[in-house]
């Protein structure tokens, strides 16, 4: 059940059938095998007519860092690369694959209600 009007997108450098299946189940669009995440994010921002302050980007590794300046707010899981943690606006309490996305969703839902 949809709790907010927040749109989500997964951008991944890898191609992973588990990620694709999970995104399909949750009805979240997914872009996989993306070498230049910043260009992909810029394209989505432009297509949707968004501005940076309407975008939250969550990443965990150095290849995510070029996306941070494109978003109004950057987030990373607790176990992110140290450079990512240093530059994120918010470091979550949960690790990647261990509840970090849910933690961010709960924060957003609590702020939007």
N, C-alpha and C. Protein backbone atom coordinates (compact mmCIF):
# COMPACT_ATOMS: atom_id res chain seq x y z
N UNK A 1 0.84 -1.18 0.00
CA UNK A 1 0.00 0.00 0.00
C UNK A 1 0.88 1.24 0.00
N UNK A 2 0.51 2.18 -0.82
CA UNK A 2 1.27 3.42 -0.93
C UNK A 2 0.95 4.34 0.24
N UNK A 3 1.99 4.78 0.96
CA UNK A 3 1.78 5.64 2.12
C UNK A 3 2.07 7.10 1.81
N UNK A 4 2.84 7.37 0.76
CA UNK A 4 3.18 8.75 0.39
C UNK A 4 3.20 8.87 -1.13
N UNK A 5 3.38 10.08 -1.58
CA UNK A 5 3.52 10.32 -3.02
C UNK A 5 4.99 10.37 -3.43
N UNK A 6 5.88 9.99 -2.54
CA UNK A 6 7.31 9.99 -2.83
C UNK A 6 7.62 8.94 -3.89
N UNK A 7 8.31 9.37 -4.94
CA UNK A 7 8.71 8.45 -6.00
C UNK A 7 10.11 7.94 -5.71
N UNK A 8 10.36 6.68 -6.01
CA UNK A 8 11.65 6.07 -5.76
C UNK A 8 12.24 5.55 -7.07
N UNK A 9 13.53 5.40 -7.07
CA UNK A 9 14.25 4.83 -8.21
C UNK A 9 15.51 4.18 -7.66
N UNK A 10 15.84 3.00 -8.17
CA UNK A 10 17.10 2.34 -7.82
C UNK A 10 18.02 2.46 -9.02
N UNK A 11 19.24 2.95 -8.77
CA UNK A 11 20.28 3.04 -9.80
C UNK A 11 21.44 2.19 -9.32
N UNK A 12 21.80 1.18 -10.10
CA UNK A 12 22.84 0.25 -9.68
C UNK A 12 23.91 0.08 -10.75
N UNK A 13 25.15 0.03 -10.32
CA UNK A 13 26.25 -0.22 -11.25
C UNK A 13 26.22 -1.67 -11.73
N UNK A 14 25.77 -2.55 -10.88
CA UNK A 14 25.73 -3.97 -11.19
C UNK A 14 24.39 -4.37 -11.80
N UNK A 15 24.39 -5.53 -12.43
CA UNK A 15 23.14 -6.13 -12.88
C UNK A 15 22.90 -7.32 -11.97
N UNK A 16 21.79 -7.27 -11.22
CA UNK A 16 21.53 -8.30 -10.23
C UNK A 16 20.07 -8.71 -10.32
N UNK A 17 19.81 -9.97 -10.66
CA UNK A 17 18.42 -10.42 -10.80
C UNK A 17 17.63 -10.33 -9.49
N UNK A 18 18.31 -10.43 -8.35
CA UNK A 18 17.61 -10.31 -7.06
C UNK A 18 17.12 -8.88 -6.87
N UNK A 19 17.97 -7.91 -7.20
CA UNK A 19 17.58 -6.50 -7.10
C UNK A 19 16.41 -6.22 -8.04
N UNK A 20 16.52 -6.72 -9.26
CA UNK A 20 15.45 -6.52 -10.24
C UNK A 20 14.13 -7.13 -9.76
N UNK A 21 14.17 -8.34 -9.23
CA UNK A 21 12.96 -9.00 -8.74
C UNK A 21 12.35 -8.23 -7.57
N UNK A 22 13.20 -7.77 -6.66
CA UNK A 22 12.70 -7.02 -5.49
C UNK A 22 12.06 -5.71 -5.94
N UNK A 23 12.72 -5.00 -6.85
CA UNK A 23 12.17 -3.74 -7.35
C UNK A 23 10.86 -3.97 -8.09
N UNK A 24 10.79 -5.02 -8.87
CA UNK A 24 9.55 -5.34 -9.57
C UNK A 24 8.43 -5.63 -8.58
N UNK A 25 8.73 -6.40 -7.54
CA UNK A 25 7.74 -6.73 -6.53
C UNK A 25 7.22 -5.46 -5.84
N UNK A 26 8.13 -4.54 -5.56
CA UNK A 26 7.76 -3.30 -4.88
C UNK A 26 7.29 -2.20 -5.83
N UNK A 27 7.30 -2.52 -7.13
CA UNK A 27 6.90 -1.56 -8.17
C UNK A 27 7.75 -0.29 -8.13
N UNK A 28 9.07 -0.51 -7.96
CA UNK A 28 10.04 0.58 -7.97
C UNK A 28 10.85 0.46 -9.26
N UNK A 29 10.93 1.53 -10.03
CA UNK A 29 11.76 1.47 -11.24
C UNK A 29 13.23 1.22 -10.88
N UNK A 30 13.92 0.50 -11.74
CA UNK A 30 15.32 0.18 -11.49
C UNK A 30 16.13 0.37 -12.77
N UNK A 31 17.28 1.00 -12.64
CA UNK A 31 18.26 1.13 -13.72
C UNK A 31 19.48 0.34 -13.27
N UNK A 32 19.86 -0.68 -14.05
CA UNK A 32 21.00 -1.51 -13.68
C UNK A 32 22.10 -1.40 -14.73
N UNK A 33 23.30 -1.82 -14.37
CA UNK A 33 24.47 -1.75 -15.23
C UNK A 33 24.75 -0.31 -15.65
N UNK A 34 24.62 0.61 -14.70
CA UNK A 34 24.83 2.04 -14.95
C UNK A 34 26.23 2.41 -14.47
N UNK A 35 27.10 2.74 -15.41
CA UNK A 35 28.46 3.12 -15.05
C UNK A 35 28.55 4.56 -14.55
N UNK A 36 27.71 5.44 -15.09
CA UNK A 36 27.73 6.85 -14.71
C UNK A 36 26.41 7.20 -14.04
N UNK A 37 26.35 6.98 -12.73
CA UNK A 37 25.12 7.21 -11.99
C UNK A 37 24.71 8.68 -12.01
N UNK A 38 25.68 9.58 -11.98
CA UNK A 38 25.35 11.02 -11.98
C UNK A 38 24.61 11.41 -13.26
N UNK A 39 25.07 10.94 -14.40
CA UNK A 39 24.38 11.24 -15.66
C UNK A 39 22.98 10.66 -15.67
N UNK A 40 22.84 9.43 -15.17
CA UNK A 40 21.52 8.81 -15.10
C UNK A 40 20.60 9.60 -14.18
N UNK A 41 21.11 10.03 -13.04
CA UNK A 41 20.31 10.81 -12.11
C UNK A 41 19.94 12.16 -12.70
N UNK A 42 20.90 12.82 -13.35
CA UNK A 42 20.61 14.11 -14.00
C UNK A 42 19.50 13.96 -15.03
N UNK A 43 19.53 12.88 -15.79
CA UNK A 43 18.52 12.65 -16.82
C UNK A 43 17.14 12.49 -16.17
N UNK A 44 17.04 11.73 -15.11
CA UNK A 44 15.77 11.53 -14.42
C UNK A 44 15.27 12.85 -13.82
N UNK A 45 16.16 13.60 -13.22
CA UNK A 45 15.79 14.90 -12.63
C UNK A 45 15.22 15.81 -13.71
N UNK A 46 15.88 15.85 -14.85
CA UNK A 46 15.42 16.69 -15.96
C UNK A 46 14.08 16.21 -16.51
N UNK A 47 13.96 14.89 -16.74
CA UNK A 47 12.72 14.33 -17.29
C UNK A 47 11.52 14.59 -16.38
N UNK A 48 11.74 14.56 -15.08
CA UNK A 48 10.65 14.75 -14.12
C UNK A 48 10.45 16.21 -13.74
N UNK A 49 11.32 17.09 -14.25
CA UNK A 49 11.19 18.51 -13.95
C UNK A 49 11.44 18.83 -12.48
N UNK A 50 12.37 18.11 -11.87
CA UNK A 50 12.67 18.31 -10.46
C UNK A 50 13.80 19.32 -10.27
N UNK A 51 13.91 19.81 -9.05
CA UNK A 51 15.07 20.60 -8.64
C UNK A 51 15.77 19.83 -7.53
N UNK A 52 17.01 20.18 -7.27
CA UNK A 52 17.81 19.43 -6.31
C UNK A 52 17.11 19.25 -4.96
N UNK A 53 16.44 20.28 -4.48
CA UNK A 53 15.80 20.20 -3.16
C UNK A 53 14.64 19.21 -3.10
N UNK A 54 14.26 18.66 -4.23
CA UNK A 54 13.20 17.66 -4.27
C UNK A 54 13.77 16.24 -4.37
N UNK A 55 15.09 16.12 -4.29
CA UNK A 55 15.75 14.84 -4.51
C UNK A 55 16.56 14.43 -3.27
N UNK A 56 16.36 13.19 -2.85
CA UNK A 56 17.19 12.58 -1.82
C UNK A 56 17.94 11.44 -2.51
N UNK A 57 19.23 11.40 -2.31
CA UNK A 57 20.04 10.33 -2.91
C UNK A 57 20.69 9.53 -1.80
N UNK A 58 20.56 8.21 -1.88
CA UNK A 58 21.20 7.32 -0.91
C UNK A 58 22.24 6.48 -1.62
N UNK A 59 23.47 6.52 -1.12
CA UNK A 59 24.54 5.74 -1.72
C UNK A 59 25.50 5.24 -0.66
N UNK A 60 26.29 4.23 -1.03
CA UNK A 60 27.19 3.64 -0.03
C UNK A 60 28.64 3.55 -0.46
N UNK A 61 28.94 3.85 -1.72
CA UNK A 61 30.31 3.68 -2.18
C UNK A 61 30.77 4.91 -2.96
N UNK A 62 32.06 4.95 -3.26
CA UNK A 62 32.62 6.15 -3.88
C UNK A 62 32.02 6.45 -5.25
N UNK A 63 31.52 5.45 -5.95
CA UNK A 63 30.91 5.72 -7.25
C UNK A 63 29.56 6.45 -7.10
N UNK A 64 29.06 6.56 -5.89
CA UNK A 64 27.83 7.31 -5.63
C UNK A 64 28.09 8.79 -5.35
N UNK A 65 29.32 9.13 -5.02
CA UNK A 65 29.63 10.50 -4.62
C UNK A 65 29.30 11.57 -5.66
N UNK A 66 29.48 11.33 -6.97
CA UNK A 66 29.10 12.36 -7.95
C UNK A 66 27.61 12.69 -7.94
N UNK A 67 26.79 11.83 -7.36
CA UNK A 67 25.35 12.10 -7.27
C UNK A 67 25.00 13.00 -6.09
N UNK A 68 25.84 13.04 -5.08
CA UNK A 68 25.53 13.82 -3.88
C UNK A 68 25.25 15.30 -4.19
N UNK A 69 26.07 15.96 -5.00
CA UNK A 69 25.79 17.38 -5.27
C UNK A 69 24.53 17.62 -6.11
N UNK A 70 24.03 16.59 -6.76
CA UNK A 70 22.83 16.73 -7.59
C UNK A 70 21.55 16.69 -6.77
N UNK A 71 21.67 16.16 -5.56
CA UNK A 71 20.50 16.00 -4.68
C UNK A 71 20.51 17.08 -3.61
N UNK A 72 19.34 17.42 -3.14
CA UNK A 72 19.23 18.37 -2.05
C UNK A 72 19.65 17.77 -0.73
N UNK A 73 19.63 16.44 -0.63
CA UNK A 73 19.96 15.76 0.62
C UNK A 73 20.57 14.41 0.28
N UNK A 74 21.70 14.09 0.90
CA UNK A 74 22.38 12.82 0.63
C UNK A 74 22.41 11.98 1.90
N UNK A 75 22.23 10.67 1.71
CA UNK A 75 22.11 9.73 2.81
C UNK A 75 22.98 8.52 2.51
N UNK A 76 23.49 7.89 3.58
CA UNK A 76 24.22 6.64 3.40
C UNK A 76 23.95 5.72 4.57
N UNK A 77 24.10 4.40 4.35
CA UNK A 77 23.97 3.46 5.46
C UNK A 77 25.18 3.54 6.38
N UNK A 78 25.05 2.98 7.56
CA UNK A 78 26.11 3.01 8.57
C UNK A 78 27.43 2.44 8.06
N UNK A 79 27.36 1.40 7.22
CA UNK A 79 28.57 0.73 6.76
C UNK A 79 29.09 1.24 5.42
N UNK A 80 28.72 2.46 5.05
CA UNK A 80 29.19 3.04 3.79
C UNK A 80 30.70 3.28 3.84
N UNK A 81 31.29 3.42 2.68
CA UNK A 81 32.71 3.79 2.57
C UNK A 81 32.93 5.06 3.39
N UNK A 82 34.08 5.16 4.05
CA UNK A 82 34.31 6.29 4.96
C UNK A 82 34.18 7.64 4.28
N UNK A 83 34.57 7.75 3.01
CA UNK A 83 34.46 9.04 2.30
C UNK A 83 33.00 9.39 2.05
N UNK A 84 32.19 8.40 1.80
CA UNK A 84 30.76 8.62 1.60
C UNK A 84 30.12 9.07 2.92
N UNK A 85 30.45 8.39 4.00
CA UNK A 85 29.93 8.77 5.32
C UNK A 85 30.31 10.20 5.68
N UNK A 86 31.53 10.57 5.35
CA UNK A 86 32.02 11.91 5.65
C UNK A 86 31.25 12.99 4.90
N UNK A 87 30.80 12.68 3.70
CA UNK A 87 30.15 13.69 2.85
C UNK A 87 28.63 13.64 2.86
N UNK A 88 28.06 12.61 3.45
CA UNK A 88 26.59 12.48 3.49
C UNK A 88 25.99 13.47 4.48
N UNK A 89 24.78 13.93 4.17
CA UNK A 89 24.04 14.79 5.10
C UNK A 89 23.51 13.98 6.28
N UNK A 90 23.24 12.71 6.05
CA UNK A 90 22.72 11.83 7.10
C UNK A 90 23.35 10.45 6.96
N UNK A 91 23.91 9.97 8.06
CA UNK A 91 24.39 8.59 8.12
C UNK A 91 23.38 7.82 8.96
N UNK A 92 22.77 6.82 8.34
CA UNK A 92 21.74 6.04 9.01
C UNK A 92 22.34 5.13 10.08
N UNK A 93 21.50 4.63 10.96
CA UNK A 93 21.95 3.72 12.01
C UNK A 93 22.11 2.29 11.50
N UNK A 94 21.35 1.95 10.46
CA UNK A 94 21.36 0.58 9.92
C UNK A 94 22.38 0.44 8.79
N UNK A 95 22.90 -0.77 8.62
CA UNK A 95 23.80 -1.09 7.53
C UNK A 95 23.02 -1.36 6.25
N UNK A 96 23.71 -1.27 5.12
CA UNK A 96 23.12 -1.64 3.85
C UNK A 96 22.73 -3.11 3.86
N UNK A 97 21.55 -3.42 3.34
CA UNK A 97 21.08 -4.80 3.34
C UNK A 97 20.58 -5.27 4.69
N UNK A 98 20.60 -4.39 5.67
CA UNK A 98 20.18 -4.73 7.03
C UNK A 98 19.21 -3.69 7.59
N UNK A 99 18.42 -3.10 6.70
CA UNK A 99 17.37 -2.20 7.17
C UNK A 99 17.59 -0.72 6.89
N UNK A 100 18.67 -0.36 6.19
CA UNK A 100 18.94 1.06 5.94
C UNK A 100 17.85 1.71 5.09
N UNK A 101 17.41 1.04 4.04
CA UNK A 101 16.37 1.63 3.19
C UNK A 101 15.08 1.78 3.98
N UNK A 102 14.74 0.78 4.75
CA UNK A 102 13.53 0.87 5.59
C UNK A 102 13.64 2.02 6.59
N UNK A 103 14.83 2.19 7.17
CA UNK A 103 15.04 3.28 8.11
C UNK A 103 14.78 4.63 7.44
N UNK A 104 15.31 4.80 6.24
CA UNK A 104 15.08 6.06 5.51
C UNK A 104 13.60 6.22 5.18
N UNK A 105 12.96 5.15 4.74
CA UNK A 105 11.51 5.22 4.44
C UNK A 105 10.71 5.62 5.67
N UNK A 106 11.03 5.03 6.80
CA UNK A 106 10.32 5.37 8.05
C UNK A 106 10.52 6.84 8.42
N UNK A 107 11.73 7.36 8.22
CA UNK A 107 11.99 8.78 8.49
C UNK A 107 11.12 9.64 7.58
N UNK A 108 11.10 9.32 6.31
CA UNK A 108 10.32 10.12 5.35
C UNK A 108 8.84 10.06 5.66
N UNK A 109 8.32 8.87 5.92
CA UNK A 109 6.90 8.72 6.22
C UNK A 109 6.53 9.51 7.46
N UNK A 110 7.37 9.46 8.48
CA UNK A 110 7.05 10.19 9.73
C UNK A 110 7.06 11.70 9.50
N UNK A 111 7.84 12.17 8.57
CA UNK A 111 7.91 13.62 8.30
C UNK A 111 6.81 14.10 7.37
N UNK A 112 6.26 13.17 6.59
CA UNK A 112 5.24 13.55 5.60
C UNK A 112 3.83 13.40 6.12
N UNK A 113 3.67 12.78 7.28
CA UNK A 113 2.31 12.56 7.80
C UNK A 113 1.84 13.73 8.61
